[in-house]
Amino acid sequence: MKRIPFALAALAAVALAITGCAPKENTVVIGLQGPITGAWAYEGQMAKQAAEVAAELINQKGGILKGRKIVIKVEDDAGEPKQGALAATKMVGSKEVVAVVSTYGSSVCEPASNIYENAKKVNIGYGVTAVRLTERGFKYFFRTCGRDDSQGEFFAKAVPAKFNARRIAVMHDNTAFGKGLAENARDALKPMVDAKQVEIVYYDAIAPGEKDFKVPLTKLRETRPDVWYFTGYFAEAALLVSQARQIGIKAPFVGGNAAINDEFVKIAGVQAAKGSYMTNEPLPQDLPSAEAKAFLAAYKAKYNEIPSSPWPIYAADAVNIIAYAIDKLGSTDSTKLADYLRDTVDGVPGITGKIGFTAKGDREGVPFFLYTVDDQGKIVVSK
């Protein structure tokens, strides 16, 4: 192999460094932390794709800050709290990342958001609904999705009436999200329980990651519920509904907003999945705005399908609102950005509707629908 003279090699290295730096000076890097691998990889991959499509649409319109392009930097947290903290550490260690979209899963977000807060880095959760996340008084944490207490209230209002149900079973998975939503649903049902309109006949947890749920399902069957609410994630939800039907549980299955997506239908099979219900924010195809139609057209043109859950869209809107705020503010300074998002952003058009934040960093005005899986395995609004 021919050796390159040291002087020439040094000049080449300098030239490469200059070349490598030039594009960075004309970009704004937004981080995306999510479960690119692991049990929730289906959701993480959709979020990655959605964030990148959002960036592409911004760039096609000329970018921000007078022509700078948005670049998405991805860190995988595998849907694990320890990996979430590691991913956040990597993000704050990267000087080029100005703000972060983070993450799917409240239990993963919690340690990561602690790190972002200590580093004074704006981070916007896209699939993190645990109420306590915005009860900590953090300055740099926001979310574009809703909260579990709102979903719990929707469940209590809509589901017993829908099924004329008096005997209600509530099952969770002991994750921060699943347990929190179960507690919020139980709290929302309490006035009805006190009035003896409904009875919670089952309230217990399963172990996430397990494959055989016959024991807890047998206990649930013995309580003879009129409706069954599972507040965990789609991988377990699919196995639960399939195994429940095998042992004769006929009560309508209602999942929380992480329980049902196309992967749920694929794992459970259409026969078991059909007739399942879900309390959820609007799915992508049900978003009415012009921004939604443009985004979904671009996503479908690139991936030949649209996301099957709302979370990737909330990730895209987190990219959009970060870019909007930076452009209007004229700065990527994180402290100024946090103040601007909390104090100034209000009613900004987004894919999922108008975007604004409360003083705590919560998204304002997120609606909920009751969805069902039809006979073809499609997820549609329940009538």
Protein backbone atom coordinates (compact mmCIF):
# COMPACT_ATOMS: atom_id res chain seq x y z
CA MET A 1 0.00 0.00 0.00
CA LYS A 2 1.32 3.41 -0.99
CA ARG A 3 1.98 5.77 1.94
CA ILE A 4 0.70 9.34 1.73
CA PRO A 5 3.33 11.86 2.81
CA PHE A 6 2.55 13.24 6.29
CA ALA A 7 2.18 16.82 5.05
CA LEU A 8 -0.31 15.78 2.39
CA ALA A 9 -2.21 13.64 4.88
CA ALA A 10 -2.43 16.58 7.28
CA LEU A 11 -3.70 18.85 4.52
CA ALA A 12 -6.26 16.22 3.54
CA ALA A 13 -7.45 15.96 7.14
CA VAL A 14 -7.83 19.74 7.37
CA ALA A 15 -9.72 19.81 4.08
CA LEU A 16 -12.02 17.02 5.28
CA ALA A 17 -12.66 18.84 8.54
CA ILE A 18 -13.54 22.03 6.69
CA THR A 19 -15.82 20.13 4.33
CA GLY A 20 -17.48 18.35 7.26
CA CYS A 21 -18.08 21.58 9.17
CA ALA A 22 -19.57 23.53 6.29
CA PRO A 23 -22.93 21.75 6.15
CA LYS A 24 -23.30 21.94 9.95
CA GLU A 25 -23.11 25.71 9.84
CA ASN A 26 -26.18 25.71 7.61
CA THR A 27 -28.24 23.23 9.65
CA VAL A 28 -30.25 23.10 12.86
CA VAL A 29 -30.07 19.69 14.54
CA ILE A 30 -33.11 18.45 16.44
CA GLY A 31 -32.76 15.20 18.37
CA LEU A 32 -35.23 12.33 18.34
CA GLN A 33 -35.01 9.85 21.20
CA GLY A 34 -37.20 6.78 20.82
CA PRO A 35 -37.43 2.97 20.83
CA ILE A 36 -35.81 2.24 17.48
CA THR A 37 -35.18 -1.30 18.70
CA GLY A 38 -36.81 -3.43 21.41
CA ALA A 39 -40.42 -4.34 22.17
CA TRP A 40 -41.74 -0.97 21.01
CA ALA A 41 -39.60 -0.71 17.86
CA TYR A 42 -42.71 -0.60 15.67
CA GLU A 43 -43.67 2.71 17.29
CA GLY A 44 -40.10 4.01 17.36
CA GLN A 45 -39.53 3.40 13.67
CA MET A 46 -42.75 5.23 12.79
CA ALA A 47 -41.72 8.16 15.00
CA LYS A 48 -38.32 8.33 13.29
CA GLN A 49 -39.95 8.35 9.86
CA ALA A 50 -42.52 10.95 10.91
CA ALA A 51 -39.90 13.28 12.38
CA GLU A 52 -37.81 13.03 9.22
CA VAL A 53 -40.81 13.72 6.98
CA ALA A 54 -41.67 16.76 9.11
CA ALA A 55 -38.11 18.03 8.71
CA GLU A 56 -38.19 17.44 4.96
CA LEU A 57 -41.41 19.45 4.60
CA ILE A 58 -39.90 22.34 6.57
CA ASN A 59 -36.75 22.21 4.46
CA GLN A 60 -38.73 22.20 1.22
CA LYS A 61 -40.24 25.51 2.29
CA GLY A 62 -36.82 27.05 2.83
CA GLY A 63 -35.94 25.81 6.31
CA ILE A 64 -35.67 28.15 9.29
CA LEU A 65 -33.46 31.04 10.38
CA LYS A 66 -33.09 32.34 6.82
CA GLY A 67 -32.37 29.12 5.01
CA ARG A 68 -30.92 26.72 7.57
CA LYS A 69 -32.07 23.13 7.12
CA ILE A 70 -33.48 20.89 9.85
CA VAL A 71 -31.52 17.69 10.49
CA ILE A 72 -32.88 14.91 12.74
CA LYS A 73 -30.35 13.14 14.97
CA VAL A 74 -31.67 9.83 16.31
CA GLU A 75 -30.75 8.06 19.55
CA ASP A 76 -32.24 4.64 20.33
CA ASP A 77 -33.47 4.05 23.88
CA ALA A 78 -34.91 0.56 23.14
CA GLY A 79 -37.94 1.40 25.29
CA GLU A 80 -35.90 0.89 28.47
CA PRO A 81 -35.51 3.45 31.30
CA LYS A 82 -31.74 2.88 31.67
CA GLN A 83 -31.26 3.16 27.93
CA GLY A 84 -33.45 6.26 28.01
CA ALA A 85 -31.05 7.91 30.43
CA LEU A 86 -28.09 6.85 28.28
CA ALA A 87 -29.71 8.21 25.12
CA ALA A 88 -30.43 11.52 26.87
CA THR A 89 -26.82 11.69 28.08
CA LYS A 90 -25.65 11.26 24.50
CA MET A 91 -28.01 13.95 23.30
CA VAL A 92 -26.89 16.55 25.82
CA GLY A 93 -23.28 15.61 25.12
CA SER A 94 -23.81 16.48 21.46
CA LYS A 95 -23.28 20.24 21.26
CA GLU A 96 -25.05 20.45 17.91
CA VAL A 97 -28.45 19.23 19.21
CA VAL A 98 -30.54 22.30 20.06
CA ALA A 99 -33.65 20.51 21.38
CA VAL A 100 -34.98 16.95 21.60
CA VAL A 101 -38.18 15.10 20.75
CA SER A 102 -38.35 12.48 23.52
CA THR A 103 -39.77 9.70 23.74
CA TYR A 104 -42.36 6.87 23.64
CA GLY A 105 -43.14 5.50 27.11
CA SER A 106 -43.53 7.53 30.30
CA SER A 107 -41.24 5.23 32.31
CA VAL A 108 -38.48 5.81 29.73
CA CYS A 109 -39.12 9.54 29.52
CA GLU A 110 -38.91 10.16 33.26
CA PRO A 111 -35.16 9.48 33.79
CA ALA A 112 -34.32 10.99 30.40
CA SER A 113 -36.20 14.20 31.16
CA ASN A 114 -34.32 14.53 34.47
CA ILE A 115 -31.07 14.59 32.48
CA TYR A 116 -32.42 17.10 29.96
CA GLU A 117 -33.65 19.34 32.78
CA ASN A 118 -30.28 19.31 34.52
CA ALA A 119 -28.61 20.14 31.21
CA LYS A 120 -31.16 22.90 30.48
CA LYS A 121 -32.13 21.26 27.17
CA VAL A 122 -35.66 21.64 25.79
CA ASN A 123 -37.27 18.22 25.38
CA ILE A 124 -40.78 17.56 24.08
CA GLY A 125 -42.39 14.20 24.78
CA TYR A 126 -44.52 12.75 21.99
CA GLY A 127 -45.84 9.51 23.52
CA VAL A 128 -45.65 10.15 27.27
CA THR A 129 -48.98 10.62 29.02
CA ALA A 130 -48.28 9.99 32.73
CA VAL A 131 -49.73 12.91 34.68
CA ARG A 132 -46.76 13.26 37.04
CA LEU A 133 -44.32 14.16 34.26
CA THR A 134 -45.59 17.73 34.18
CA GLU A 135 -46.21 17.95 37.92
CA ARG A 136 -42.49 18.24 38.71
CA GLY A 137 -42.14 21.95 38.03
CA PHE A 138 -39.65 21.41 35.18
CA LYS A 139 -38.79 24.34 32.93
CA TYR A 140 -37.52 22.47 29.87
CA PHE A 141 -40.04 19.61 29.57
CA PHE A 142 -43.14 19.77 27.34
CA ARG A 143 -45.39 17.28 25.55
CA THR A 144 -47.45 17.39 22.37
CA CYS A 145 -49.73 14.50 23.45
CA GLY A 146 -52.47 14.41 26.08
CA ARG A 147 -52.48 13.21 29.70
CA ASP A 148 -53.77 10.02 31.31
CA ASP A 149 -56.25 11.84 33.53
CA SER A 150 -58.04 13.20 30.46
CA GLN A 151 -58.15 9.71 28.96
CA GLY A 152 -59.39 8.22 32.24
CA GLU A 153 -62.21 10.76 32.33
CA PHE A 154 -63.10 9.94 28.72
CA PHE A 155 -63.20 6.21 29.56
CA ALA A 156 -65.52 6.77 32.52
CA LYS A 157 -67.84 8.96 30.46
CA ALA A 158 -67.95 6.93 27.25
CA VAL A 159 -67.35 3.24 27.91
CA PRO A 160 -69.89 2.20 30.60
CA ALA A 161 -72.61 4.00 28.64
CA LYS A 162 -71.51 2.45 25.33
CA PHE A 163 -71.76 -1.11 26.65
CA ASN A 164 -74.43 -0.56 29.31
CA ALA A 165 -71.78 -1.95 31.66
CA ARG A 166 -72.12 -2.22 35.42
CA ARG A 167 -69.29 -4.68 36.15
CA ILE A 168 -65.93 -3.27 35.04
CA ALA A 169 -62.51 -4.95 34.99
CA VAL A 170 -59.36 -2.82 34.89
CA MET A 171 -55.99 -4.42 34.11
CA HIS A 172 -52.61 -2.67 33.85
CA ASP A 173 -48.96 -3.65 33.37
CA ASN A 174 -47.23 -1.85 36.27
CA THR A 175 -45.41 0.53 33.90
CA ALA A 176 -45.56 4.23 34.69
CA PHE A 177 -48.00 4.72 31.82
CA GLY A 178 -50.16 1.63 32.30
CA LYS A 179 -50.50 1.91 36.06
CA GLY A 180 -51.08 5.65 35.86
CA LEU A 181 -53.88 5.33 33.30
CA ALA A 182 -55.51 2.54 35.33
CA GLU A 183 -55.45 4.73 38.44
CA ASN A 184 -56.86 7.68 36.52
CA ALA A 185 -59.67 5.53 35.09
CA ARG A 186 -60.45 4.17 38.57
CA ASP A 187 -60.51 7.70 40.00
CA ALA A 188 -62.78 8.91 37.21
CA LEU A 189 -65.17 6.00 37.85
CA LYS A 190 -65.34 6.67 41.61
CA PRO A 191 -68.42 8.96 41.54
CA MET A 192 -70.26 6.25 39.57
CA VAL A 193 -69.06 3.58 41.98
CA ASP A 194 -70.18 5.65 44.97
CA ALA A 195 -73.58 6.09 43.33
CA LYS A 196 -73.73 2.29 42.80
CA GLN A 197 -74.06 2.79 39.05
CA VAL A 198 -71.00 0.65 38.33
CA GLU A 199 -68.72 -1.74 40.22
CA ILE A 200 -65.01 -2.35 39.64
CA VAL A 201 -64.97 -6.14 39.95
CA TYR A 202 -61.33 -6.63 38.95
CA TYR A 203 -58.31 -4.37 39.38
CA ASP A 204 -54.88 -5.98 38.98
CA ALA A 205 -51.64 -6.03 37.00
CA ILE A 206 -49.81 -8.34 34.62
CA ALA A 207 -46.04 -8.55 34.15
CA PRO A 208 -44.92 -6.80 30.94
CA GLY A 209 -42.89 -8.98 28.61
CA GLU A 210 -44.63 -12.22 29.59
CA LYS A 211 -46.19 -14.42 26.92
CA ASP A 212 -48.65 -16.57 28.89
CA PHE A 213 -51.44 -14.70 30.70
CA LYS A 214 -53.79 -17.59 31.44
CA VAL A 215 -53.52 -17.19 35.24
CA PRO A 216 -54.55 -13.49 35.47
CA LEU A 217 -57.10 -14.01 32.71
CA THR A 218 -58.70 -16.91 34.58
CA LYS A 219 -59.02 -14.67 37.65
CA LEU A 220 -60.55 -11.95 35.49
CA ARG A 221 -63.00 -14.42 33.94
CA GLU A 222 -64.25 -15.41 37.39
CA THR A 223 -65.33 -11.80 38.08
CA ARG A 224 -67.77 -11.88 35.11
CA PRO A 225 -67.07 -8.34 33.86
CA ASP A 226 -69.34 -6.55 31.41
CA VAL A 227 -66.33 -4.72 29.94
CA TRP A 228 -62.57 -5.09 30.33
CA TYR A 229 -60.13 -2.15 30.15
CA PHE A 230 -56.43 -2.87 29.59
CA THR A 231 -54.15 0.13 29.99
CA GLY A 232 -50.80 -1.33 28.89
CA TYR A 233 -49.01 -1.66 25.55
CA PHE A 234 -49.88 -3.32 22.24
CA ALA A 235 -47.58 -6.36 22.42
CA GLU A 236 -49.19 -7.63 25.63
CA ALA A 237 -52.64 -6.42 24.59
CA ALA A 238 -52.60 -8.62 21.50
CA LEU A 239 -51.66 -11.73 23.48
CA LEU A 240 -54.20 -10.92 26.18
CA VAL A 241 -57.16 -10.57 23.85
CA SER A 242 -56.19 -13.70 21.92
CA GLN A 243 -55.77 -15.83 25.05
CA ALA A 244 -58.89 -14.34 26.65
CA ARG A 245 -61.05 -15.48 23.76
CA GLN A 246 -59.48 -18.96 23.97
CA ILE A 247 -60.62 -19.39 27.59
CA GLY A 248 -64.10 -18.04 26.99
CA ILE A 249 -63.89 -14.38 28.08
CA LYS A 250 -66.50 -12.67 25.94
CA ALA A 251 -66.56 -9.23 27.58
CA PRO A 252 -65.69 -6.38 25.19
CA PHE A 253 -61.97 -5.61 25.30
CA VAL A 254 -61.10 -1.92 25.51
CA GLY A 255 -57.48 -0.85 25.32
CA GLY A 256 -55.86 2.40 26.32
CA ASN A 257 -54.09 4.54 23.76
CA ALA A 258 -50.99 2.34 23.57
CA ALA A 259 -52.85 -0.96 23.19
CA ILE A 260 -54.09 -1.03 19.61
CA ASN A 261 -52.29 -0.37 16.34
CA ASP A 262 -51.72 -2.40 13.18
CA GLU A 263 -49.13 -4.51 15.00
CA PHE A 264 -51.76 -5.42 17.63
CA VAL A 265 -54.01 -6.73 14.86
CA LYS A 266 -51.11 -8.61 13.26
CA ILE A 267 -50.05 -10.33 16.51
CA ALA A 268 -53.57 -11.15 17.72
CA GLY A 269 -54.94 -12.03 14.31
CA VAL A 270 -58.02 -10.43 12.81
CA GLN A 271 -60.39 -13.02 14.27
CA ALA A 272 -59.35 -12.25 17.85
CA ALA A 273 -58.72 -8.54 17.31
CA LYS A 274 -61.99 -7.64 15.62
CA GLY A 275 -64.50 -6.06 17.96
CA SER A 276 -61.76 -4.73 20.25
CA TYR A 277 -62.04 -1.09 21.28
CA MET A 278 -59.62 1.65 22.25
CA THR A 279 -59.75 5.04 23.96
CA ASN A 280 -57.43 7.22 21.91
CA GLU A 281 -56.49 10.58 20.54
CA PRO A 282 -57.51 10.99 16.87
CA LEU A 283 -55.70 8.57 14.56
CA PRO A 284 -53.83 10.11 11.62
CA GLN A 285 -56.54 9.40 9.05
CA ASP A 286 -59.10 11.22 11.19
CA LEU A 287 -57.17 14.47 11.46
CA PRO A 288 -59.04 17.17 9.50
CA SER A 289 -56.45 19.94 9.08
CA ALA A 290 -54.73 20.93 5.84
CA GLU A 291 -51.41 20.39 7.65
CA ALA A 292 -52.44 16.79 8.38
CA LYS A 293 -53.42 16.10 4.79
CA ALA A 294 -50.11 17.50 3.48
CA PHE A 295 -48.06 15.57 6.03
CA LEU A 296 -49.84 12.25 5.46
CA ALA A 297 -49.54 12.63 1.68
CA ALA A 298 -45.77 13.15 2.03
CA TYR A 299 -45.45 10.24 4.47
CA LYS A 300 -47.42 7.89 2.23
CA ALA A 301 -45.46 8.95 -0.85
CA LYS A 302 -42.26 7.97 0.95
CA TYR A 303 -43.38 4.83 2.86
CA ASN A 304 -46.48 3.69 0.94
CA GLU A 305 -48.62 3.80 4.09
CA ILE A 306 -49.53 6.17 6.90
CA PRO A 307 -48.79 5.67 10.62
CA SER A 308 -51.27 3.41 12.40
CA SER A 309 -51.10 5.21 15.75
CA PRO A 310 -51.16 8.87 16.82
CA TRP A 311 -47.72 8.92 18.46
CA PRO A 312 -45.60 9.38 15.31
CA ILE A 313 -47.77 12.36 14.42
CA TYR A 314 -47.17 13.91 17.84
CA ALA A 315 -43.44 13.38 17.22
CA ALA A 316 -43.75 15.21 13.90
CA ASP A 317 -45.61 18.05 15.60
CA ALA A 318 -42.87 18.26 18.24
CA VAL A 319 -40.39 18.81 15.41
CA ASN A 320 -42.73 21.38 13.87
CA ILE A 321 -43.22 23.41 17.04
CA ILE A 322 -39.50 23.39 17.89
CA ALA A 323 -38.69 24.62 14.38
CA TYR A 324 -41.46 27.22 14.49
CA ALA A 325 -40.32 28.59 17.86
CA ILE A 326 -36.66 28.75 16.87
CA ASP A 327 -37.52 30.56 13.65
CA LYS A 328 -39.82 33.09 15.32
CA LEU A 329 -37.45 33.59 18.24
CA GLY A 330 -34.43 33.90 15.95
CA SER A 331 -32.33 31.85 18.35
CA THR A 332 -31.51 28.27 19.34
CA ASP A 333 -30.73 29.25 22.94
CA SER A 334 -32.49 26.58 25.03
CA THR A 335 -33.52 28.81 27.92
CA LYS A 336 -35.02 31.40 25.59
CA LEU A 337 -36.68 28.60 23.63
CA ALA A 338 -38.28 27.13 26.78
CA ASP A 339 -39.63 30.54 27.77
CA TYR A 340 -40.97 31.16 24.27
CA LEU A 341 -42.72 27.78 24.09
CA ARG A 342 -44.40 28.27 27.45
CA ASP A 343 -45.21 31.97 27.32
CA THR A 344 -45.73 32.80 23.64
CA VAL A 345 -46.71 29.71 21.61
CA ASP A 346 -50.50 29.54 21.49
CA GLY A 347 -52.80 28.23 18.80
CA VAL A 348 -50.02 27.50 16.29
CA PRO A 349 -51.40 25.34 13.44
CA GLY A 350 -50.07 21.78 13.61
CA ILE A 351 -50.76 18.38 12.10
CA THR A 352 -52.74 17.35 15.19
CA GLY A 353 -54.51 20.68 15.57
CA LYS A 354 -53.57 23.97 17.14
CA ILE A 355 -50.56 23.78 19.45
CA GLY A 356 -50.16 25.62 22.71
CA PHE A 357 -48.82 24.74 26.14
CA THR A 358 -49.98 25.30 29.69
CA ALA A 359 -47.71 26.78 32.35
CA LYS A 360 -46.74 23.21 33.29
CA GLY A 361 -45.79 22.28 29.72
CA ASP A 362 -48.87 20.22 28.88
CA ARG A 363 -50.48 20.34 25.45
CA GLU A 364 -53.77 22.20 25.52
CA GLY A 365 -57.03 20.80 24.17
CA VAL A 366 -56.33 17.18 23.12
CA PRO A 367 -59.57 15.33 22.18
CA PHE A 368 -60.27 11.58 22.62
CA PHE A 369 -62.31 9.15 20.50
CA LEU A 370 -63.52 5.57 20.97
CA TYR A 371 -62.10 3.37 18.21
CA THR A 372 -62.82 -0.22 17.22
CA VAL A 373 -61.23 -2.92 15.05
CA ASP A 374 -63.63 -3.84 12.24
CA ASP A 375 -64.12 -7.24 10.58
CA GLN A 376 -61.27 -6.54 8.12
CA GLY A 377 -58.84 -5.63 10.90
CA LYS A 378 -59.03 -1.88 10.22
CA ILE A 379 -59.07 0.56 13.13
CA VAL A 380 -62.02 2.91 12.75
CA VAL A 381 -64.02 5.35 14.88
CA SER A 382 -66.73 3.52 16.78
CA LYS A 383 -70.27 4.60 15.92
